[in-house]
Amino acid sequence: MKEYFPLFISSKGKKALVIGGGKIATRRISTLLNFEFDIIVVSPSTTKEIRQLADDGLITYIQREFLDGDLEDKFLVVAATDKREVNKYIGDRAKELGAYVSVADVKEECNFYFPAVITKDEVVVGVTSGGKSHKTVKDISDAIRKVLNHEN
């Protein structure tokens, strides 16, 4: 039996908090932008891509260190700082508050995984191996994209 159940849930109006502003945070934000989350990013510094998304009004960027109160009323939290102890604290606290949590540096501390997301029109497909085989996920995702792009 599998531990993780693939569940498609409404993202409309739900708050997604990304703590961190590096490459991993940028990738997670890119995935979240495919859906109707209200995305908030908290980090003292960030990539050009994140800053541009904020400038374009697609996300809210708060330039400062994480504060405990940032976790309140969040549906989904991504801990993607470069500090192990901060990520662990964020993950533990956000789970206590009932959020879905992705801890970028320790998959065992996550209560959900970001799948490879493939979208075309109204179709949404998520593929994951629970972090065990990135090549298999990539191969399956590529095959799904090929099928969806040839569909008329």
N, C-alpha and C. Protein backbone atom coordinates (compact mmCIF):
# COMPACT_ATOMS: atom_id res chain seq x y z
N MET A 1 0.84 -1.18 0.00
CA MET A 1 0.00 0.00 0.00
C MET A 1 0.88 1.24 0.00
N LYS A 2 0.38 2.27 -0.60
CA LYS A 2 1.11 3.54 -0.71
C LYS A 2 0.75 4.46 0.45
N GLU A 3 1.72 5.22 0.91
CA GLU A 3 1.48 6.17 2.00
C GLU A 3 0.75 7.41 1.51
N TYR A 4 1.09 7.88 0.31
CA TYR A 4 0.54 9.15 -0.18
C TYR A 4 -0.58 8.92 -1.18
N PHE A 5 -1.68 9.61 -0.96
CA PHE A 5 -2.87 9.54 -1.81
C PHE A 5 -2.91 10.77 -2.70
N PRO A 6 -3.06 10.58 -4.02
CA PRO A 6 -3.15 11.74 -4.91
C PRO A 6 -4.52 12.41 -4.77
N LEU A 7 -4.51 13.63 -4.29
CA LEU A 7 -5.74 14.34 -3.99
C LEU A 7 -5.71 15.71 -4.65
N PHE A 8 -6.70 16.00 -5.46
CA PHE A 8 -6.78 17.32 -6.10
C PHE A 8 -7.75 18.15 -5.28
N ILE A 9 -7.24 19.24 -4.73
CA ILE A 9 -8.02 20.10 -3.85
C ILE A 9 -8.12 21.49 -4.44
N SER A 10 -9.13 22.22 -4.06
CA SER A 10 -9.29 23.59 -4.55
C SER A 10 -8.21 24.48 -3.94
N SER A 11 -7.59 25.27 -4.80
CA SER A 11 -6.58 26.23 -4.35
C SER A 11 -7.15 27.64 -4.30
N LYS A 12 -8.37 27.80 -4.77
CA LYS A 12 -8.96 29.13 -4.92
C LYS A 12 -9.01 29.89 -3.59
N GLY A 13 -8.29 31.01 -3.55
CA GLY A 13 -8.31 31.87 -2.38
C GLY A 13 -7.54 31.37 -1.18
N LYS A 14 -6.86 30.24 -1.32
CA LYS A 14 -6.11 29.69 -0.20
C LYS A 14 -4.72 30.32 -0.15
N LYS A 15 -4.24 30.57 1.06
CA LYS A 15 -2.95 31.24 1.23
C LYS A 15 -1.81 30.21 1.24
N ALA A 16 -0.86 30.44 0.34
CA ALA A 16 0.35 29.62 0.28
C ALA A 16 1.53 30.50 0.67
N LEU A 17 2.25 30.09 1.69
CA LEU A 17 3.39 30.85 2.20
C LEU A 17 4.67 30.13 1.81
N VAL A 18 5.56 30.85 1.14
CA VAL A 18 6.88 30.33 0.79
C VAL A 18 7.89 31.12 1.60
N ILE A 19 8.65 30.42 2.43
CA ILE A 19 9.66 31.08 3.25
C ILE A 19 11.02 30.71 2.67
N GLY A 20 11.68 31.71 2.11
CA GLY A 20 12.94 31.52 1.41
C GLY A 20 12.84 32.17 0.05
N GLY A 21 13.97 32.55 -0.51
CA GLY A 21 13.94 33.27 -1.78
C GLY A 21 14.94 32.78 -2.80
N GLY A 22 15.40 31.54 -2.66
CA GLY A 22 16.40 30.99 -3.57
C GLY A 22 15.81 30.19 -4.72
N LYS A 23 16.65 29.32 -5.28
CA LYS A 23 16.25 28.53 -6.45
C LYS A 23 15.09 27.58 -6.16
N ILE A 24 15.14 26.90 -5.02
CA ILE A 24 14.06 25.96 -4.69
C ILE A 24 12.75 26.72 -4.50
N ALA A 25 12.79 27.82 -3.77
CA ALA A 25 11.59 28.64 -3.59
C ALA A 25 11.05 29.10 -4.93
N THR A 26 11.93 29.50 -5.83
CA THR A 26 11.52 29.95 -7.16
C THR A 26 10.80 28.84 -7.91
N ARG A 27 11.32 27.61 -7.85
CA ARG A 27 10.67 26.48 -8.52
C ARG A 27 9.30 26.18 -7.91
N ARG A 28 9.21 26.21 -6.59
CA ARG A 28 7.93 25.93 -5.93
C ARG A 28 6.89 27.00 -6.28
N ILE A 29 7.31 28.24 -6.30
CA ILE A 29 6.40 29.34 -6.67
C ILE A 29 5.92 29.15 -8.10
N SER A 30 6.82 28.77 -8.98
CA SER A 30 6.46 28.54 -10.38
C SER A 30 5.35 27.49 -10.50
N THR A 31 5.43 26.44 -9.70
CA THR A 31 4.38 25.42 -9.70
C THR A 31 3.09 25.97 -9.13
N LEU A 32 3.17 26.66 -8.00
CA LEU A 32 1.97 27.20 -7.36
C LEU A 32 1.24 28.21 -8.24
N LEU A 33 1.98 28.93 -9.08
CA LEU A 33 1.36 29.94 -9.95
C LEU A 33 0.41 29.34 -10.99
N ASN A 34 0.48 28.03 -11.22
CA ASN A 34 -0.45 27.37 -12.14
C ASN A 34 -1.85 27.26 -11.56
N PHE A 35 -1.99 27.60 -10.29
CA PHE A 35 -3.25 27.42 -9.58
C PHE A 35 -3.66 28.73 -8.93
N GLU A 36 -4.78 28.75 -8.23
CA GLU A 36 -5.36 30.00 -7.74
C GLU A 36 -4.98 30.33 -6.30
N PHE A 37 -3.79 29.97 -5.90
CA PHE A 37 -3.32 30.31 -4.56
C PHE A 37 -3.04 31.80 -4.45
N ASP A 38 -3.19 32.32 -3.24
CA ASP A 38 -2.71 33.65 -2.88
C ASP A 38 -1.31 33.40 -2.31
N ILE A 39 -0.27 33.71 -3.10
CA ILE A 39 1.10 33.34 -2.75
C ILE A 39 1.81 34.49 -2.05
N ILE A 40 2.36 34.18 -0.87
CA ILE A 40 3.11 35.15 -0.08
C ILE A 40 4.52 34.59 0.10
N VAL A 41 5.52 35.40 -0.19
CA VAL A 41 6.91 34.98 -0.04
C VAL A 41 7.56 35.86 1.02
N VAL A 42 8.21 35.23 1.99
CA VAL A 42 8.93 35.95 3.03
C VAL A 42 10.40 35.53 2.97
N SER A 43 11.27 36.51 2.74
CA SER A 43 12.70 36.25 2.69
C SER A 43 13.45 37.57 2.69
N PRO A 44 14.60 37.62 3.35
CA PRO A 44 15.37 38.87 3.33
C PRO A 44 15.95 39.18 1.95
N SER A 45 16.15 38.16 1.13
CA SER A 45 16.64 38.37 -0.24
C SER A 45 15.98 37.33 -1.14
N THR A 46 16.04 37.57 -2.44
CA THR A 46 15.33 36.68 -3.35
C THR A 46 15.97 36.70 -4.73
N THR A 47 15.51 35.78 -5.57
CA THR A 47 15.98 35.74 -6.95
C THR A 47 15.31 36.86 -7.76
N LYS A 48 15.90 37.15 -8.90
CA LYS A 48 15.31 38.15 -9.81
C LYS A 48 13.92 37.71 -10.25
N GLU A 49 13.75 36.40 -10.45
CA GLU A 49 12.46 35.88 -10.91
C GLU A 49 11.36 36.16 -9.88
N ILE A 50 11.66 35.93 -8.62
CA ILE A 50 10.66 36.18 -7.57
C ILE A 50 10.35 37.67 -7.49
N ARG A 51 11.37 38.49 -7.54
CA ARG A 51 11.16 39.94 -7.47
C ARG A 51 10.29 40.40 -8.65
N GLN A 52 10.52 39.84 -9.84
CA GLN A 52 9.72 40.21 -11.01
C GLN A 52 8.27 39.79 -10.84
N LEU A 53 8.04 38.59 -10.29
CA LEU A 53 6.67 38.14 -10.03
C LEU A 53 5.96 39.09 -9.07
N ALA A 54 6.68 39.57 -8.07
CA ALA A 54 6.11 40.53 -7.12
C ALA A 54 5.83 41.85 -7.82
N ASP A 55 6.77 42.31 -8.63
CA ASP A 55 6.58 43.57 -9.38
C ASP A 55 5.39 43.48 -10.32
N ASP A 56 5.14 42.27 -10.86
CA ASP A 56 4.01 42.06 -11.77
C ASP A 56 2.70 41.83 -11.03
N GLY A 57 2.74 41.81 -9.70
CA GLY A 57 1.52 41.64 -8.91
C GLY A 57 1.02 40.21 -8.82
N LEU A 58 1.86 39.23 -9.19
CA LEU A 58 1.43 37.83 -9.17
C LEU A 58 1.61 37.18 -7.80
N ILE A 59 2.51 37.73 -7.00
CA ILE A 59 2.74 37.25 -5.64
C ILE A 59 2.95 38.45 -4.73
N THR A 60 2.89 38.20 -3.43
CA THR A 60 3.24 39.22 -2.44
C THR A 60 4.61 38.85 -1.89
N TYR A 61 5.55 39.78 -1.96
CA TYR A 61 6.89 39.54 -1.43
C TYR A 61 7.14 40.45 -0.24
N ILE A 62 7.46 39.83 0.90
CA ILE A 62 7.77 40.56 2.12
C ILE A 62 9.26 40.37 2.39
N GLN A 63 10.02 41.45 2.27
CA GLN A 63 11.48 41.38 2.39
C GLN A 63 11.91 41.53 3.85
N ARG A 64 12.00 40.38 4.52
CA ARG A 64 12.47 40.33 5.91
C ARG A 64 12.63 38.88 6.31
N GLU A 65 13.18 38.68 7.50
CA GLU A 65 13.29 37.33 8.06
C GLU A 65 11.89 36.82 8.43
N PHE A 66 11.75 35.51 8.45
CA PHE A 66 10.52 34.84 8.86
C PHE A 66 10.18 35.19 10.31
N LEU A 67 8.89 35.42 10.56
CA LEU A 67 8.37 35.61 11.91
C LEU A 67 7.34 34.52 12.18
N ASP A 68 7.24 34.06 13.40
CA ASP A 68 6.32 32.99 13.76
C ASP A 68 4.89 33.29 13.32
N GLY A 69 4.46 34.53 13.45
CA GLY A 69 3.10 34.91 13.06
C GLY A 69 2.81 34.75 11.58
N ASP A 70 3.86 34.64 10.76
CA ASP A 70 3.66 34.44 9.31
C ASP A 70 2.89 33.16 9.01
N LEU A 71 2.98 32.18 9.91
CA LEU A 71 2.36 30.87 9.67
C LEU A 71 0.86 30.84 9.93
N GLU A 72 0.34 31.84 10.60
CA GLU A 72 -1.07 31.84 10.96
C GLU A 72 -1.96 31.91 9.72
N ASP A 73 -3.01 31.10 9.71
CA ASP A 73 -4.02 31.10 8.65
C ASP A 73 -3.47 30.73 7.28
N LYS A 74 -2.42 29.92 7.22
CA LYS A 74 -1.89 29.49 5.93
C LYS A 74 -2.35 28.07 5.65
N PHE A 75 -2.76 27.84 4.42
CA PHE A 75 -3.21 26.52 3.98
C PHE A 75 -2.01 25.63 3.64
N LEU A 76 -1.01 26.24 3.00
CA LEU A 76 0.15 25.50 2.52
C LEU A 76 1.40 26.32 2.84
N VAL A 77 2.43 25.65 3.33
CA VAL A 77 3.67 26.33 3.70
C VAL A 77 4.86 25.59 3.09
N VAL A 78 5.75 26.35 2.47
CA VAL A 78 6.99 25.81 1.93
C VAL A 78 8.14 26.40 2.74
N ALA A 79 8.92 25.54 3.39
CA ALA A 79 10.11 25.98 4.13
C ALA A 79 11.31 25.74 3.22
N ALA A 80 11.84 26.82 2.67
CA ALA A 80 12.93 26.70 1.69
C ALA A 80 14.05 27.70 2.00
N THR A 81 14.40 27.81 3.27
CA THR A 81 15.51 28.69 3.64
C THR A 81 16.81 27.90 3.52
N ASP A 82 17.92 28.58 3.71
CA ASP A 82 19.21 27.89 3.69
C ASP A 82 19.67 27.52 5.10
N LYS A 83 18.72 27.51 6.05
CA LYS A 83 19.04 27.19 7.44
C LYS A 83 18.22 25.98 7.90
N ARG A 84 18.91 24.88 8.15
CA ARG A 84 18.27 23.62 8.54
C ARG A 84 17.36 23.81 9.75
N GLU A 85 17.84 24.46 10.80
CA GLU A 85 17.05 24.59 12.03
C GLU A 85 15.80 25.44 11.81
N VAL A 86 15.89 26.43 10.93
CA VAL A 86 14.73 27.27 10.62
C VAL A 86 13.69 26.46 9.84
N ASN A 87 14.15 25.71 8.83
CA ASN A 87 13.22 24.88 8.05
C ASN A 87 12.51 23.87 8.95
N LYS A 88 13.25 23.24 9.85
CA LYS A 88 12.64 22.26 10.76
C LYS A 88 11.59 22.93 11.64
N TYR A 89 11.92 24.08 12.21
CA TYR A 89 10.97 24.79 13.05
C TYR A 89 9.72 25.16 12.26
N ILE A 90 9.91 25.71 11.08
CA ILE A 90 8.77 26.10 10.23
C ILE A 90 7.89 24.90 9.96
N GLY A 91 8.50 23.78 9.56
CA GLY A 91 7.74 22.58 9.26
C GLY A 91 6.94 22.08 10.45
N ASP A 92 7.60 21.97 11.59
CA ASP A 92 6.93 21.48 12.80
C ASP A 92 5.78 22.40 13.21
N ARG A 93 6.05 23.68 13.25
CA ARG A 93 5.04 24.66 13.70
C ARG A 93 3.86 24.73 12.74
N ALA A 94 4.15 24.76 11.43
CA ALA A 94 3.07 24.84 10.44
C ALA A 94 2.18 23.60 10.49
N LYS A 95 2.76 22.44 10.72
CA LYS A 95 1.95 21.22 10.86
C LYS A 95 1.07 21.30 12.10
N GLU A 96 1.62 21.82 13.20
CA GLU A 96 0.82 22.01 14.42
C GLU A 96 -0.40 22.89 14.14
N LEU A 97 -0.23 23.85 13.23
CA LEU A 97 -1.32 24.78 12.89
C LEU A 97 -2.24 24.21 11.80
N GLY A 98 -1.96 23.00 11.33
CA GLY A 98 -2.85 22.33 10.38
C GLY A 98 -2.56 22.59 8.91
N ALA A 99 -1.39 23.12 8.60
CA ALA A 99 -1.06 23.42 7.20
C ALA A 99 -0.46 22.21 6.50
N TYR A 100 -0.61 22.20 5.18
CA TYR A 100 0.16 21.29 4.35
C TYR A 100 1.57 21.87 4.28
N VAL A 101 2.59 21.02 4.48
CA VAL A 101 3.95 21.53 4.64
C VAL A 101 4.93 20.78 3.74
N SER A 102 5.76 21.56 3.04
CA SER A 102 6.88 21.02 2.28
C SER A 102 8.15 21.63 2.86
N VAL A 103 9.02 20.77 3.38
CA VAL A 103 10.31 21.20 3.91
C VAL A 103 11.35 20.83 2.86
N ALA A 104 11.94 21.84 2.23
CA ALA A 104 12.76 21.63 1.04
C ALA A 104 13.97 20.72 1.26
N ASP A 105 14.56 20.76 2.43
CA ASP A 105 15.81 20.03 2.61
C ASP A 105 15.68 18.67 3.30
N VAL A 106 14.49 18.31 3.78
CA VAL A 106 14.30 16.99 4.41
C VAL A 106 12.91 16.48 4.06
N LYS A 107 12.85 15.57 3.08
CA LYS A 107 11.53 15.11 2.60
C LYS A 107 10.72 14.40 3.68
N GLU A 108 11.40 13.79 4.66
CA GLU A 108 10.68 13.10 5.73
C GLU A 108 9.89 14.06 6.62
N GLU A 109 10.20 15.33 6.57
CA GLU A 109 9.48 16.32 7.37
C GLU A 109 8.29 16.93 6.62
N CYS A 110 8.07 16.50 5.39
CA CYS A 110 6.95 16.99 4.58
C CYS A 110 5.70 16.17 4.88
N ASN A 111 4.53 16.80 4.78
CA ASN A 111 3.29 16.02 4.82
C ASN A 111 2.60 16.04 3.45
N PHE A 112 3.29 16.59 2.45
CA PHE A 112 2.90 16.45 1.05
C PHE A 112 4.14 16.66 0.20
N TYR A 113 4.08 16.19 -1.04
CA TYR A 113 5.18 16.39 -1.98
C TYR A 113 4.69 17.23 -3.15
N PHE A 114 5.57 18.02 -3.71
CA PHE A 114 5.27 18.70 -4.97
C PHE A 114 5.48 17.68 -6.07
N PRO A 115 4.43 17.32 -6.80
CA PRO A 115 4.63 16.42 -7.92
C PRO A 115 5.14 17.20 -9.13
N ALA A 116 5.57 16.47 -10.13
CA ALA A 116 5.76 17.10 -11.43
C ALA A 116 4.35 17.41 -11.91
N VAL A 117 4.09 18.64 -12.29
CA VAL A 117 2.74 19.05 -12.69
C VAL A 117 2.72 19.30 -14.19
N ILE A 118 1.78 18.63 -14.85
CA ILE A 118 1.59 18.81 -16.28
C ILE A 118 0.18 19.35 -16.47
N THR A 119 0.05 20.47 -17.17
CA THR A 119 -1.27 21.05 -17.42
C THR A 119 -1.46 21.30 -18.90
N LYS A 120 -2.67 21.10 -19.35
CA LYS A 120 -3.06 21.48 -20.70
C LYS A 120 -4.56 21.71 -20.67
N ASP A 121 -4.94 22.94 -20.97
CA ASP A 121 -6.35 23.34 -20.90
C ASP A 121 -6.90 22.98 -19.52
N GLU A 122 -7.95 22.15 -19.46
CA GLU A 122 -8.54 21.80 -18.17
C GLU A 122 -7.91 20.56 -17.53
N VAL A 123 -6.96 19.95 -18.20
CA VAL A 123 -6.32 18.73 -17.68
C VAL A 123 -5.15 19.09 -16.77
N VAL A 124 -5.12 18.46 -15.60
CA VAL A 124 -4.01 18.61 -14.66
C VAL A 124 -3.56 17.21 -14.26
N VAL A 125 -2.26 16.94 -14.42
CA VAL A 125 -1.70 15.65 -14.05
C VAL A 125 -0.54 15.90 -13.09
N GLY A 126 -0.49 15.13 -12.03
CA GLY A 126 0.63 15.19 -11.09
C GLY A 126 1.32 13.84 -11.03
N VAL A 127 2.66 13.86 -11.11
CA VAL A 127 3.44 12.62 -11.08
C VAL A 127 4.50 12.74 -9.99
N THR A 128 4.58 11.73 -9.14
CA THR A 128 5.62 11.73 -8.11
C THR A 128 6.09 10.30 -7.84
N SER A 129 7.30 10.20 -7.35
CA SER A 129 7.83 8.93 -6.87
C SER A 129 8.18 9.05 -5.39
N GLY A 130 7.69 10.11 -4.76
CA GLY A 130 8.03 10.35 -3.36
C GLY A 130 9.50 10.66 -3.17
N GLY A 131 10.11 11.23 -4.21
CA GLY A 131 11.52 11.60 -4.13
C GLY A 131 12.48 10.46 -4.40
N LYS A 132 11.97 9.32 -4.84
CA LYS A 132 12.83 8.15 -5.01
C LYS A 132 13.43 8.01 -6.40
N SER A 133 12.75 8.50 -7.44
CA SER A 133 13.28 8.32 -8.80
C SER A 133 12.91 9.51 -9.68
N HIS A 134 13.77 10.52 -9.66
CA HIS A 134 13.51 11.72 -10.46
C HIS A 134 13.50 11.39 -11.96
N LYS A 135 14.34 10.45 -12.40
CA LYS A 135 14.38 10.08 -13.82
C LYS A 135 13.07 9.45 -14.27
N THR A 136 12.53 8.55 -13.46
CA THR A 136 11.25 7.92 -13.81
C THR A 136 10.15 8.97 -13.90
N VAL A 137 10.11 9.89 -12.94
CA VAL A 137 9.10 10.96 -12.96
C VAL A 137 9.26 11.81 -14.20
N LYS A 138 10.49 12.16 -14.55
CA LYS A 138 10.74 12.97 -15.75
C LYS A 138 10.29 12.23 -17.00
N ASP A 139 10.64 10.95 -17.11
CA ASP A 139 10.26 10.16 -18.29
C ASP A 139 8.74 10.06 -18.42
N ILE A 140 8.05 9.79 -17.32
CA ILE A 140 6.58 9.69 -17.35
C ILE A 140 5.97 11.04 -17.68
N SER A 141 6.49 12.10 -17.07
CA SER A 141 5.97 13.46 -17.34
C SER A 141 6.14 13.82 -18.81
N ASP A 142 7.31 13.52 -19.36
CA ASP A 142 7.56 13.81 -20.78
C ASP A 142 6.58 13.04 -21.67
N ALA A 143 6.32 11.78 -21.32
CA ALA A 143 5.38 10.97 -22.11
C ALA A 143 3.96 11.55 -22.03
N ILE A 144 3.56 11.99 -20.86
CA ILE A 144 2.22 12.59 -20.70
C ILE A 144 2.13 13.89 -21.50
N ARG A 145 3.16 14.73 -21.43
CA ARG A 145 3.17 15.97 -22.23
C ARG A 145 3.03 15.67 -23.71
N LYS A 146 3.74 14.64 -24.15
CA LYS A 146 3.69 14.26 -25.57
C LYS A 146 2.26 13.86 -25.96
N VAL A 147 1.62 13.05 -25.14
CA VAL A 147 0.24 12.63 -25.41
C VAL A 147 -0.69 13.84 -25.43
N LEU A 148 -0.58 14.70 -24.43
CA LEU A 148 -1.47 15.87 -24.34
C LEU A 148 -1.25 16.84 -25.50
N ASN A 149 -0.03 16.99 -25.95
CA ASN A 149 0.25 17.91 -27.05
C ASN A 149 -0.18 17.38 -28.41
N HIS A 150 -0.41 16.07 -28.51
CA HIS A 150 -0.89 15.49 -29.77
C HIS A 150 -2.39 15.30 -29.79
N GLU A 151 -3.04 15.57 -28.66
CA GLU A 151 -4.49 15.43 -28.55
C GLU A 151 -5.18 16.56 -29.29
N ASN A 152 -6.23 16.26 -30.01
CA ASN A 152 -6.98 17.30 -30.73
C ASN A 152 -8.32 17.51 -30.14
